[in-house]
Amino acid sequence: MDGWIAMRKWALTLLYGCLITGIFVPSAFSQWVEKPRQGWIQVALYHHDTTTRFDEQRNNESLFNEGGRSITTSVFLTGVIGVFEGVDVWVQAPFHRLEFNDVVEKRRSTGVGDPRFHVRIDPFTIVGSSAPFPLALRGGVKLKGQEFPVDSEIIPLTEGQRDWELILELGHSFFPRPIYAMLWIGYRWRESNTEVRKDPGNEFFYLASVGGALDEWNWKLSFEGLAGRPSHFFDIPIESSKREFFQILPNIGRSLGPGVLEIGGRFPLSGRNLPSGPAVFIGYFFRFSV
C-alpha cells in the first residue's frame, strides 16, 4: 500500500509539471490582446518520458524506485477570442494519458484533465489611451475536470482543487527588426483538496521570452520559473513540500497552410518536488476572424 501511495504522490507531481507546461504552450506572438471577434486556436501535443525527478533537497534522483518510469502524453486545445475592445477570453482544455511502470506492473489512466478559463484586459485600450508597449492583465481559474479518486490504486487525472491565477503580461517589439521580447509574472492561489485534506501552497511563477521571425520561419527561447509555498496536510504545514523549478523552453515554427507548425522542448535545469528530464511538444497555431 505504501508503494501505491508513493505512486499517487508522484503521479500528481508529474501531472502538475504537465499542467504548468500547458499554461505556456501558446505562441509568444499571441501576447497582444485580440480585437473583437478575432482570435486564435492552438492544438499542442506534449510528451514527457522520464525516470527521474527533483526531490525535496533539489537533487535529481530516480523516480519511485529503481526501474520506475513515467510517460505523460497530453493534448492541449487552447482558444482565444476578443469580446470587447481591449478584452479577450482564453479557454484551455487538456486531455491526458498517464502511464507509470515499475518492475512489478504497468498502470495507466486516460481522460480529460483540469480546464482553465481566463479573461485578459488591456488597460490602455479600455481607458482610450495609446499603449507605449504591449501590457495586459490576465486573471482566471483552473477547475476540476473530474472528481478526485480516493482509491489509492487509481492514477488521478486531476489535482482535485480549484486554482485562481493573476498574470501581468509585458511585451516589446523591436520593429523594424523582426524580434520581440515578453515577460509574464503571475501568482496562483490554490484552494484545498478536501478529498485528501491537503491545502496546496500558493505559487509565484514567471515566463520570459525572446523571439523573432525570418521569412516563413519563427523562433522563440523562453525561461520559465516557479516558487511555491509549503502545502498543509491535515492543517499541518510541511516545509519539504514546496515546489520549485527553473527550465528552458526553445522552439521553432514554420508557416504551414493557414497557420504555423511549431516544435519545441522543455529542459529543466533545477527544481524541487517536480519531474526532471527533457520533454517535447508539437503544436499548430492559426488565427481566425468571426
C-alpha atoms as a PDB file:
ATOM      1  CA  MET A   1       0.000   0.000   0.000  1.00  0.00           C
ATOM      2  CA  ASP A   2       2.879   2.403   0.740  1.00  0.00           C
ATOM      3  CA  GLY A   3       4.089   1.873  -2.816  1.00  0.00           C
ATOM      4  CA  TRP A   4       0.676   2.821  -4.222  1.00  0.00           C
ATOM      5  CA  ILE A   5       0.537   5.958  -2.060  1.00  0.00           C
ATOM      6  CA  ALA A   6       4.006   6.957  -3.257  1.00  0.00           C
ATOM      7  CA  MET A   7       2.948   6.279  -6.836  1.00  0.00           C
ATOM      8  CA  ARG A   8      -0.095   8.556  -6.465  1.00  0.00           C
ATOM      9  CA  LYS A   9       2.065  11.268  -4.908  1.00  0.00           C
ATOM     10  CA  TRP A  10       4.458  11.303  -7.841  1.00  0.00           C
ATOM     11  CA  ALA A  11       1.610  10.909 -10.306  1.00  0.00           C
ATOM     12  CA  LEU A  12       0.254  14.227  -9.062  1.00  0.00           C
ATOM     13  CA  THR A  13       3.751  15.695  -9.166  1.00  0.00           C
ATOM     14  CA  LEU A  14       4.238  14.716 -12.799  1.00  0.00           C
ATOM     15  CA  LEU A  15       0.714  15.760 -13.750  1.00  0.00           C
ATOM     16  CA  TYR A  16       1.372  19.145 -12.176  1.00  0.00           C
ATOM     17  CA  GLY A  17       4.522  19.537 -14.240  1.00  0.00           C
ATOM     18  CA  CYS A  18       2.449  18.834 -17.322  1.00  0.00           C
ATOM     19  CA  LEU A  19      -0.225  21.370 -16.302  1.00  0.00           C
ATOM     20  CA  ILE A  20       2.360  24.098 -15.747  1.00  0.00           C
ATOM     21  CA  THR A  21       3.744  23.497 -19.218  1.00  0.00           C
ATOM     22  CA  GLY A  22       0.216  23.690 -20.589  1.00  0.00           C
ATOM     23  CA  ILE A  23      -0.173  27.258 -19.344  1.00  0.00           C
ATOM     24  CA  PHE A  24       2.680  28.418 -21.532  1.00  0.00           C
ATOM     25  CA  VAL A  25       2.124  26.325 -24.646  1.00  0.00           C
ATOM     26  CA  PRO A  26       0.574  29.163 -26.767  1.00  0.00           C
ATOM     27  CA  SER A  27       2.923  31.113 -29.020  1.00  0.00           C
ATOM     28  CA  ALA A  28       4.530  34.229 -27.599  1.00  0.00           C
ATOM     29  CA  PHE A  29       3.414  36.244 -30.634  1.00  0.00           C
ATOM     30  CA  SER A  30      -0.139  35.947 -29.229  1.00  0.00           C
ATOM     31  CA  GLN A  31       0.776  38.369 -26.424  1.00  0.00           C
ATOM     32  CA  TRP A  32      -1.315  41.294 -27.724  1.00  0.00           C
ATOM     33  CA  VAL A  33      -4.959  41.414 -26.641  1.00  0.00           C
ATOM     34  CA  GLU A  34      -7.177  40.285 -29.512  1.00  0.00           C
ATOM     35  CA  LYS A  35      -9.540  42.613 -31.344  1.00  0.00           C
ATOM     36  CA  PRO A  36     -13.309  41.940 -31.023  1.00  0.00           C
ATOM     37  CA  ARG A  37     -14.401  38.848 -32.973  1.00  0.00           C
ATOM     38  CA  GLN A  38     -10.803  37.953 -33.775  1.00  0.00           C
ATOM     39  CA  GLY A  39      -8.700  35.298 -32.103  1.00  0.00           C
ATOM     40  CA  TRP A  40      -6.632  32.184 -32.467  1.00  0.00           C
ATOM     41  CA  ILE A  41      -6.656  28.448 -31.754  1.00  0.00           C
ATOM     42  CA  GLN A  42      -3.751  26.162 -30.947  1.00  0.00           C
ATOM     43  CA  VAL A  43      -3.640  22.379 -30.701  1.00  0.00           C
ATOM     44  CA  ALA A  44      -0.483  21.133 -28.952  1.00  0.00           C
ATOM     45  CA  LEU A  45       0.794  17.637 -28.191  1.00  0.00           C
ATOM     46  CA  TYR A  46       3.093  17.365 -25.164  1.00  0.00           C
ATOM     47  CA  HIS A  47       5.166  14.251 -24.346  1.00  0.00           C
ATOM     48  CA  HIS A  48       7.364  13.567 -21.313  1.00  0.00           C
ATOM     49  CA  ASP A  49       9.130  10.241 -20.704  1.00  0.00           C
ATOM     50  CA  THR A  50      11.271  10.225 -17.557  1.00  0.00           C
ATOM     51  CA  THR A  51      12.800   8.025 -14.895  1.00  0.00           C
ATOM     52  CA  THR A  52      13.982  10.906 -12.677  1.00  0.00           C
ATOM     53  CA  ARG A  53      12.642  13.748 -10.546  1.00  0.00           C
ATOM     54  CA  PHE A  54      13.856  16.631  -8.372  1.00  0.00           C
ATOM     55  CA  ASP A  55      13.448  15.611  -4.713  1.00  0.00           C
ATOM     56  CA  GLU A  56      12.824  17.685  -1.570  1.00  0.00           C
ATOM     57  CA  GLN A  57      16.508  18.723  -1.430  1.00  0.00           C
ATOM     58  CA  ARG A  58      16.611  19.690  -5.151  1.00  0.00           C
ATOM     59  CA  ASN A  59      18.636  16.579  -6.014  1.00  0.00           C
ATOM     60  CA  ASN A  60      17.999  14.751  -9.257  1.00  0.00           C
ATOM     61  CA  GLU A  61      17.099  11.183  -8.280  1.00  0.00           C
ATOM     62  CA  SER A  62      15.370   8.080  -9.607  1.00  0.00           C
ATOM     63  CA  LEU A  63      11.597   8.135  -9.822  1.00  0.00           C
ATOM     64  CA  PHE A  64       9.690   5.966  -7.268  1.00  0.00           C
ATOM     65  CA  ASN A  65      12.317   3.258  -7.056  1.00  0.00           C
ATOM     66  CA  GLU A  66      14.906   1.611  -9.273  1.00  0.00           C
ATOM     67  CA  GLY A  67      13.251   0.769 -12.579  1.00  0.00           C
ATOM     68  CA  GLY A  68      10.440   3.325 -12.176  1.00  0.00           C
ATOM     69  CA  ARG A  69       9.324   5.143 -15.296  1.00  0.00           C
ATOM     70  CA  SER A  70       6.642   7.739 -16.045  1.00  0.00           C
ATOM     71  CA  ILE A  71       5.242   8.502 -19.506  1.00  0.00           C
ATOM     72  CA  THR A  72       2.971  11.527 -19.831  1.00  0.00           C
ATOM     73  CA  THR A  73       1.263  12.402 -23.113  1.00  0.00           C
ATOM     74  CA  SER A  74      -1.140  15.342 -23.194  1.00  0.00           C
ATOM     75  CA  VAL A  75      -3.099  17.254 -25.803  1.00  0.00           C
ATOM     76  CA  PHE A  76      -3.906  20.905 -25.062  1.00  0.00           C
ATOM     77  CA  LEU A  77      -6.623  22.706 -27.016  1.00  0.00           C
ATOM     78  CA  THR A  78      -6.346  26.462 -26.410  1.00  0.00           C
ATOM     79  CA  GLY A  79      -8.653  29.097 -27.869  1.00  0.00           C
ATOM     80  CA  VAL A  80      -8.777  32.885 -27.520  1.00  0.00           C
ATOM     81  CA  ILE A  81     -11.286  35.400 -28.866  1.00  0.00           C
ATOM     82  CA  GLY A  82     -11.693  39.145 -28.435  1.00  0.00           C
ATOM     83  CA  VAL A  83     -15.074  40.029 -26.934  1.00  0.00           C
ATOM     84  CA  PHE A  84     -14.756  43.820 -26.461  1.00  0.00           C
ATOM     85  CA  GLU A  85     -12.168  46.415 -27.382  1.00  0.00           C
ATOM     86  CA  GLY A  86      -9.270  45.681 -25.027  1.00  0.00           C
ATOM     87  CA  VAL A  87     -10.771  42.435 -23.632  1.00  0.00           C
ATOM     88  CA  ASP A  88     -10.335  38.830 -24.736  1.00  0.00           C
ATOM     89  CA  VAL A  89     -11.214  35.432 -23.267  1.00  0.00           C
ATOM     90  CA  TRP A  90      -8.994  32.334 -23.024  1.00  0.00           C
ATOM     91  CA  VAL A  91     -10.127  28.714 -22.727  1.00  0.00           C
ATOM     92  CA  GLN A  92      -7.789  25.720 -22.408  1.00  0.00           C
ATOM     93  CA  ALA A  93      -8.898  22.070 -22.282  1.00  0.00           C
ATOM     94  CA  PRO A  94      -6.365  19.241 -21.713  1.00  0.00           C
ATOM     95  CA  PHE A  95      -6.576  15.517 -22.346  1.00  0.00           C
ATOM     96  CA  HIS A  96      -4.027  13.309 -20.558  1.00  0.00           C
ATOM     97  CA  ARG A  97      -2.643   9.799 -20.866  1.00  0.00           C
ATOM     98  CA  LEU A  98      -0.566   8.946 -17.773  1.00  0.00           C
ATOM     99  CA  GLU A  99       1.427   5.736 -17.524  1.00  0.00           C
ATOM    100  CA  PHE A 100       3.581   4.582 -14.586  1.00  0.00           C
ATOM    101  CA  ASN A 101       5.734   1.488 -14.888  1.00  0.00           C
ATOM    102  CA  ASP A 102       7.993  -0.335 -12.467  1.00  0.00           C
ATOM    103  CA  VAL A 103       9.421  -3.819 -12.133  1.00  0.00           C
ATOM    104  CA  VAL A 104       6.020  -5.134 -10.968  1.00  0.00           C
ATOM    105  CA  GLU A 105       3.432  -3.824 -13.428  1.00  0.00           C
ATOM    106  CA  LYS A 106       2.158  -1.017 -15.654  1.00  0.00           C
ATOM    107  CA  ARG A 107      -0.552   1.394 -14.526  1.00  0.00           C
ATOM    108  CA  ARG A 108      -2.408   3.781 -16.797  1.00  0.00           C
ATOM    109  CA  SER A 109      -5.090   6.487 -16.726  1.00  0.00           C
ATOM    110  CA  THR A 110      -6.575   8.308 -19.686  1.00  0.00           C
ATOM    111  CA  GLY A 111      -9.092  11.124 -19.750  1.00  0.00           C
ATOM    112  CA  VAL A 112      -9.936  14.801 -19.514  1.00  0.00           C
ATOM    113  CA  GLY A 113      -7.771  16.963 -17.259  1.00  0.00           C
ATOM    114  CA  ASP A 114      -8.388  20.266 -15.476  1.00  0.00           C
ATOM    115  CA  PRO A 115      -9.638  23.058 -17.795  1.00  0.00           C
ATOM    116  CA  ARG A 116      -8.605  26.709 -17.475  1.00  0.00           C
ATOM    117  CA  PHE A 117     -10.579  29.886 -18.174  1.00  0.00           C
ATOM    118  CA  HIS A 118      -9.038  33.370 -18.299  1.00  0.00           C
ATOM    119  CA  VAL A 119     -10.101  36.934 -19.067  1.00  0.00           C
ATOM    120  CA  ARG A 120      -7.404  39.330 -20.282  1.00  0.00           C
ATOM    121  CA  ILE A 121      -7.647  43.122 -20.438  1.00  0.00           C
ATOM    122  CA  ASP A 122      -5.528  45.863 -21.980  1.00  0.00           C
ATOM    123  CA  PRO A 123      -5.898  48.785 -19.517  1.00  0.00           C
ATOM    124  CA  PHE A 124      -4.570  51.360 -22.015  1.00  0.00           C
ATOM    125  CA  THR A 125      -7.208  50.449 -24.602  1.00  0.00           C
ATOM    126  CA  ILE A 126     -10.026  50.387 -22.045  1.00  0.00           C
ATOM    127  CA  VAL A 127      -9.307  53.966 -20.904  1.00  0.00           C
ATOM    128  CA  GLY A 128      -8.927  55.137 -24.511  1.00  0.00           C
ATOM    129  CA  SER A 129      -5.187  55.750 -24.411  1.00  0.00           C
ATOM    130  CA  SER A 130      -2.475  54.616 -26.797  1.00  0.00           C
ATOM    131  CA  ALA A 131      -0.192  51.999 -25.249  1.00  0.00           C
ATOM    132  CA  PRO A 132       3.580  52.725 -25.294  1.00  0.00           C
ATOM    133  CA  PHE A 133       4.161  48.955 -25.213  1.00  0.00           C
ATOM    134  CA  PRO A 134       2.020  45.809 -25.015  1.00  0.00           C
ATOM    135  CA  LEU A 135       0.669  45.394 -21.490  1.00  0.00           C
ATOM    136  CA  ALA A 136      -2.165  43.196 -20.277  1.00  0.00           C
ATOM    137  CA  LEU A 137      -3.597  41.842 -17.047  1.00  0.00           C
ATOM    138  CA  ARG A 138      -4.983  38.301 -17.143  1.00  0.00           C
ATOM    139  CA  GLY A 139      -6.993  36.579 -14.435  1.00  0.00           C
ATOM    140  CA  GLY A 140      -8.619  33.190 -14.397  1.00  0.00           C
ATOM    141  CA  VAL A 141      -9.392  29.884 -12.768  1.00  0.00           C
ATOM    142  CA  LYS A 142      -8.418  26.242 -13.144  1.00  0.00           C
ATOM    143  CA  LEU A 143     -11.350  23.920 -12.402  1.00  0.00           C
ATOM    144  CA  LYS A 144     -11.539  20.232 -11.561  1.00  0.00           C
ATOM    145  CA  GLY A 145     -12.081  18.321 -14.780  1.00  0.00           C
ATOM    146  CA  GLN A 146     -13.476  15.373 -12.812  1.00  0.00           C
ATOM    147  CA  GLU A 147     -13.833  14.120  -9.254  1.00  0.00           C
ATOM    148  CA  PHE A 148     -10.619  13.296  -7.422  1.00  0.00           C
ATOM    149  CA  PRO A 149     -10.397   9.495  -6.889  1.00  0.00           C
ATOM    150  CA  VAL A 150      -9.995   8.389  -3.279  1.00  0.00           C
ATOM    151  CA  ASP A 151      -8.881   4.899  -4.335  1.00  0.00           C
ATOM    152  CA  SER A 152      -5.110   4.698  -3.840  1.00  0.00           C
ATOM    153  CA  GLU A 153      -4.801   2.361  -6.849  1.00  0.00           C
ATOM    154  CA  ILE A 154      -6.190   4.880  -9.364  1.00  0.00           C
ATOM    155  CA  ILE A 155      -3.851   7.379 -11.026  1.00  0.00           C
ATOM    156  CA  PRO A 156      -5.574  10.783 -10.725  1.00  0.00           C
ATOM    157  CA  LEU A 157      -6.065  12.941 -13.819  1.00  0.00           C
ATOM    158  CA  THR A 158      -6.979  15.982 -11.717  1.00  0.00           C
ATOM    159  CA  GLU A 159      -5.229  17.818  -8.907  1.00  0.00           C
ATOM    160  CA  GLY A 160      -8.549  17.864  -7.082  1.00  0.00           C
ATOM    161  CA  GLN A 161      -8.948  21.583  -6.345  1.00  0.00           C
ATOM    162  CA  ARG A 162      -9.513  24.991  -7.925  1.00  0.00           C
ATOM    163  CA  ASP A 163      -6.661  27.402  -8.599  1.00  0.00           C
ATOM    164  CA  TRP A 164      -7.043  31.152  -9.134  1.00  0.00           C
ATOM    165  CA  GLU A 165      -4.414  32.977 -11.180  1.00  0.00           C
ATOM    166  CA  LEU A 166      -3.450  36.592 -11.856  1.00  0.00           C
ATOM    167  CA  ILE A 167      -0.820  37.334 -14.522  1.00  0.00           C
ATOM    168  CA  LEU A 168       0.812  40.585 -15.624  1.00  0.00           C
ATOM    169  CA  GLU A 169       1.914  40.435 -19.274  1.00  0.00           C
ATOM    170  CA  LEU A 170       4.501  42.820 -20.709  1.00  0.00           C
ATOM    171  CA  GLY A 171       5.899  42.910 -24.226  1.00  0.00           C
ATOM    172  CA  HIS A 172       8.085  44.878 -26.587  1.00  0.00           C
ATOM    173  CA  SER A 173       8.602  44.775 -30.361  1.00  0.00           C
ATOM    174  CA  PHE A 174      11.964  45.811 -31.803  1.00  0.00           C
ATOM    175  CA  PHE A 175      10.399  46.811 -35.120  1.00  0.00           C
ATOM    176  CA  PRO A 176      11.639  47.153 -37.863  1.00  0.00           C
ATOM    177  CA  ARG A 177      13.844  44.296 -36.712  1.00  0.00           C
ATOM    178  CA  PRO A 178      11.723  41.103 -36.578  1.00  0.00           C
ATOM    179  CA  ILE A 179      12.423  40.487 -32.881  1.00  0.00           C
ATOM    180  CA  TYR A 180      10.191  40.751 -29.818  1.00  0.00           C
ATOM    181  CA  ALA A 181      10.501  40.188 -26.071  1.00  0.00           C
ATOM    182  CA  MET A 182       7.881  39.413 -23.456  1.00  0.00           C
ATOM    183  CA  LEU A 183       7.569  38.804 -19.724  1.00  0.00           C
ATOM    184  CA  TRP A 184       4.745  37.154 -17.772  1.00  0.00           C
ATOM    185  CA  ILE A 185       4.694  37.439 -13.974  1.00  0.00           C
ATOM    186  CA  GLY A 186       1.945  35.622 -12.088  1.00  0.00           C
ATOM    187  CA  TYR A 187       0.623  34.452  -8.752  1.00  0.00           C
ATOM    188  CA  ARG A 188      -1.559  31.402  -8.104  1.00  0.00           C
ATOM    189  CA  TRP A 189      -3.932  30.998  -5.142  1.00  0.00           C
ATOM    190  CA  ARG A 190      -4.678  27.290  -4.604  1.00  0.00           C
ATOM    191  CA  GLU A 191      -7.774  26.047  -2.795  1.00  0.00           C
ATOM    192  CA  SER A 192      -7.935  22.901  -0.661  1.00  0.00           C
ATOM    193  CA  ASN A 193      -8.304  19.363  -1.937  1.00  0.00           C
ATOM    194  CA  THR A 194     -10.968  18.285   0.539  1.00  0.00           C
ATOM    195  CA  GLU A 195     -10.852  14.645  -0.571  1.00  0.00           C
ATOM    196  CA  VAL A 196      -7.375  14.132   0.898  1.00  0.00           C
ATOM    197  CA  ARG A 197      -7.315  17.051   3.405  1.00  0.00           C
ATOM    198  CA  LYS A 198      -4.495  18.757   1.507  1.00  0.00           C
ATOM    199  CA  ASP A 199      -4.108  22.529   1.196  1.00  0.00           C
ATOM    200  CA  PRO A 200      -1.547  23.146  -1.595  1.00  0.00           C
ATOM    201  CA  GLY A 201       0.734  26.120  -1.169  1.00  0.00           C
ATOM    202  CA  ASN A 202       0.252  29.260  -3.263  1.00  0.00           C
ATOM    203  CA  GLU A 203       2.807  29.890  -6.009  1.00  0.00           C
ATOM    204  CA  PHE A 204       4.698  32.665  -7.781  1.00  0.00           C
ATOM    205  CA  PHE A 205       5.644  31.995 -11.408  1.00  0.00           C
ATOM    206  CA  TYR A 206       7.111  33.778 -14.411  1.00  0.00           C
ATOM    207  CA  LEU A 207       7.949  33.317 -18.087  1.00  0.00           C
ATOM    208  CA  ALA A 208      10.476  35.427 -20.025  1.00  0.00           C
ATOM    209  CA  SER A 209      10.798  35.004 -23.792  1.00  0.00           C
ATOM    210  CA  VAL A 210      12.632  36.449 -26.745  1.00  0.00           C
ATOM    211  CA  GLY A 211      11.702  35.515 -30.295  1.00  0.00           C
ATOM    212  CA  GLY A 212      11.707  36.539 -33.892  1.00  0.00           C
ATOM    213  CA  ALA A 213      10.912  35.672 -37.492  1.00  0.00           C
ATOM    214  CA  LEU A 214      12.793  35.117 -40.742  1.00  0.00           C
ATOM    215  CA  ASP A 215      10.774  34.598 -43.917  1.00  0.00           C
ATOM    216  CA  GLU A 216       8.443  31.671 -43.207  1.00  0.00           C
ATOM    217  CA  TRP A 217      10.285  30.619 -40.029  1.00  0.00           C
ATOM    218  CA  ASN A 218       9.974  31.885 -36.463  1.00  0.00           C
ATOM    219  CA  TRP A 219      11.876  31.070 -33.291  1.00  0.00           C
ATOM    220  CA  LYS A 220      11.442  31.570 -29.568  1.00  0.00           C
ATOM    221  CA  LEU A 221      13.563  30.972 -26.463  1.00  0.00           C
ATOM    222  CA  SER A 222      11.790  31.043 -23.089  1.00  0.00           C
ATOM    223  CA  PHE A 223      12.916  30.831 -19.474  1.00  0.00           C
ATOM    224  CA  GLU A 224      10.271  29.635 -17.008  1.00  0.00           C
ATOM    225  CA  GLY A 225      10.368  29.546 -13.230  1.00  0.00           C
ATOM    226  CA  LEU A 226       8.151  28.762 -10.247  1.00  0.00           C
ATOM    227  CA  ALA A 227       8.465  29.119  -6.459  1.00  0.00           C
ATOM    228  CA  GLY A 228       5.781  27.725  -4.173  1.00  0.00           C
ATOM    229  CA  ARG A 229       4.863  27.902  -0.519  1.00  0.00           C
ATOM    230  CA  PRO A 230       4.597  24.763   1.681  1.00  0.00           C
ATOM    231  CA  SER A 231       1.491  22.594   1.443  1.00  0.00           C
ATOM    232  CA  HIS A 232      -0.616  21.786   4.505  1.00  0.00           C
ATOM    233  CA  PHE A 233      -1.687  18.214   5.219  1.00  0.00           C
ATOM    234  CA  PHE A 234      -4.463  17.938   7.826  1.00  0.00           C
ATOM    235  CA  ASP A 235      -3.747  21.627   8.642  1.00  0.00           C
ATOM    236  CA  ILE A 236      -0.061  20.886   9.355  1.00  0.00           C
ATOM    237  CA  PRO A 237       2.470  22.784   7.189  1.00  0.00           C
ATOM    238  CA  ILE A 238       5.085  20.557   5.546  1.00  0.00           C
ATOM    239  CA  GLU A 239       8.133  22.664   4.713  1.00  0.00           C
ATOM    240  CA  SER A 240       9.636  19.966   2.466  1.00  0.00           C
ATOM    241  CA  SER A 241       6.578  20.030   0.181  1.00  0.00           C
ATOM    242  CA  LYS A 242       7.492  23.295  -1.583  1.00  0.00           C
ATOM    243  CA  ARG A 243       7.543  23.168  -5.382  1.00  0.00           C
ATOM    244  CA  GLU A 244      10.247  24.948  -7.361  1.00  0.00           C
ATOM    245  CA  PHE A 245      11.686  24.780 -10.846  1.00  0.00           C
ATOM    246  CA  PHE A 246      13.645  26.654 -13.472  1.00  0.00           C
ATOM    247  CA  GLN A 247      13.695  25.483 -17.082  1.00  0.00           C
ATOM    248  CA  ILE A 248      14.428  26.491 -20.677  1.00  0.00           C
ATOM    249  CA  LEU A 249      11.881  26.126 -23.486  1.00  0.00           C
ATOM    250  CA  PRO A 250      13.216  26.612 -27.042  1.00  0.00           C
ATOM    251  CA  ASN A 251      11.028  26.193 -30.118  1.00  0.00           C
ATOM    252  CA  ILE A 252      10.930  26.873 -33.822  1.00  0.00           C
ATOM    253  CA  GLY A 253       7.981  27.254 -36.167  1.00  0.00           C
ATOM    254  CA  ARG A 254       7.226  27.414 -39.859  1.00  0.00           C
ATOM    255  CA  SER A 255       4.253  28.705 -41.803  1.00  0.00           C
ATOM    256  CA  LEU A 256       2.128  25.825 -42.989  1.00  0.00           C
ATOM    257  CA  GLY A 257      -1.257  26.343 -44.628  1.00  0.00           C
ATOM    258  CA  PRO A 258      -3.309  28.952 -42.746  1.00  0.00           C
ATOM    259  CA  GLY A 259      -1.188  28.759 -39.594  1.00  0.00           C
ATOM    260  CA  VAL A 260       2.175  27.918 -38.044  1.00  0.00           C
ATOM    261  CA  LEU A 261       3.541  24.487 -37.154  1.00  0.00           C
ATOM    262  CA  GLU A 262       5.740  24.623 -34.034  1.00  0.00           C
ATOM    263  CA  ILE A 263       8.147  22.132 -32.479  1.00  0.00           C
ATOM    264  CA  GLY A 264       9.753  22.734 -29.110  1.00  0.00           C
ATOM    265  CA  GLY A 265      11.276  21.250 -25.997  1.00  0.00           C
ATOM    266  CA  ARG A 266      11.375  21.668 -22.230  1.00  0.00           C
ATOM    267  CA  PHE A 267      14.693  21.284 -20.396  1.00  0.00           C
ATOM    268  CA  PRO A 268      14.511  21.545 -16.573  1.00  0.00           C
ATOM    269  CA  LEU A 269      17.751  22.869 -15.065  1.00  0.00           C
ATOM    270  CA  SER A 270      16.765  22.758 -11.403  1.00  0.00           C
ATOM    271  CA  GLY A 271      13.710  22.028  -9.294  1.00  0.00           C
ATOM    272  CA  ARG A 272      12.107  20.685  -6.167  1.00  0.00           C
ATOM    273  CA  ASN A 273       9.263  18.139  -5.903  1.00  0.00           C
ATOM    274  CA  LEU A 274       8.738  18.196  -9.661  1.00  0.00           C
ATOM    275  CA  PRO A 275       9.738  15.946 -12.562  1.00  0.00           C
ATOM    276  CA  SER A 276      13.084  16.264 -14.289  1.00  0.00           C
ATOM    277  CA  GLY A 277      14.199  15.144 -17.709  1.00  0.00           C
ATOM    278  CA  PRO A 278      13.509  16.744 -21.096  1.00  0.00           C
ATOM    279  CA  ALA A 279      10.101  16.880 -22.766  1.00  0.00           C
ATOM    280  CA  VAL A 280       8.938  17.733 -26.290  1.00  0.00           C
ATOM    281  CA  PHE A 281       5.851  19.305 -27.804  1.00  0.00           C
ATOM    282  CA  ILE A 282       4.472  19.946 -31.264  1.00  0.00           C
ATOM    283  CA  GLY A 283       1.678  22.402 -31.950  1.00  0.00           C
ATOM    284  CA  TYR A 284      -0.306  24.056 -34.700  1.00  0.00           C
ATOM    285  CA  PHE A 285      -1.343  27.687 -34.287  1.00  0.00           C
ATOM    286  CA  PHE A 286      -3.756  29.602 -36.529  1.00  0.00           C
ATOM    287  CA  ARG A 287      -5.741  32.817 -36.379  1.00  0.00           C
ATOM    288  CA  PHE A 288      -9.398  33.342 -37.239  1.00  0.00           C
ATOM    289  CA  SER A 289     -11.911  36.140 -37.595  1.00  0.00           C
ATOM    290  CA  VAL A 290     -15.644  35.801 -36.987  1.00  0.00           C
END
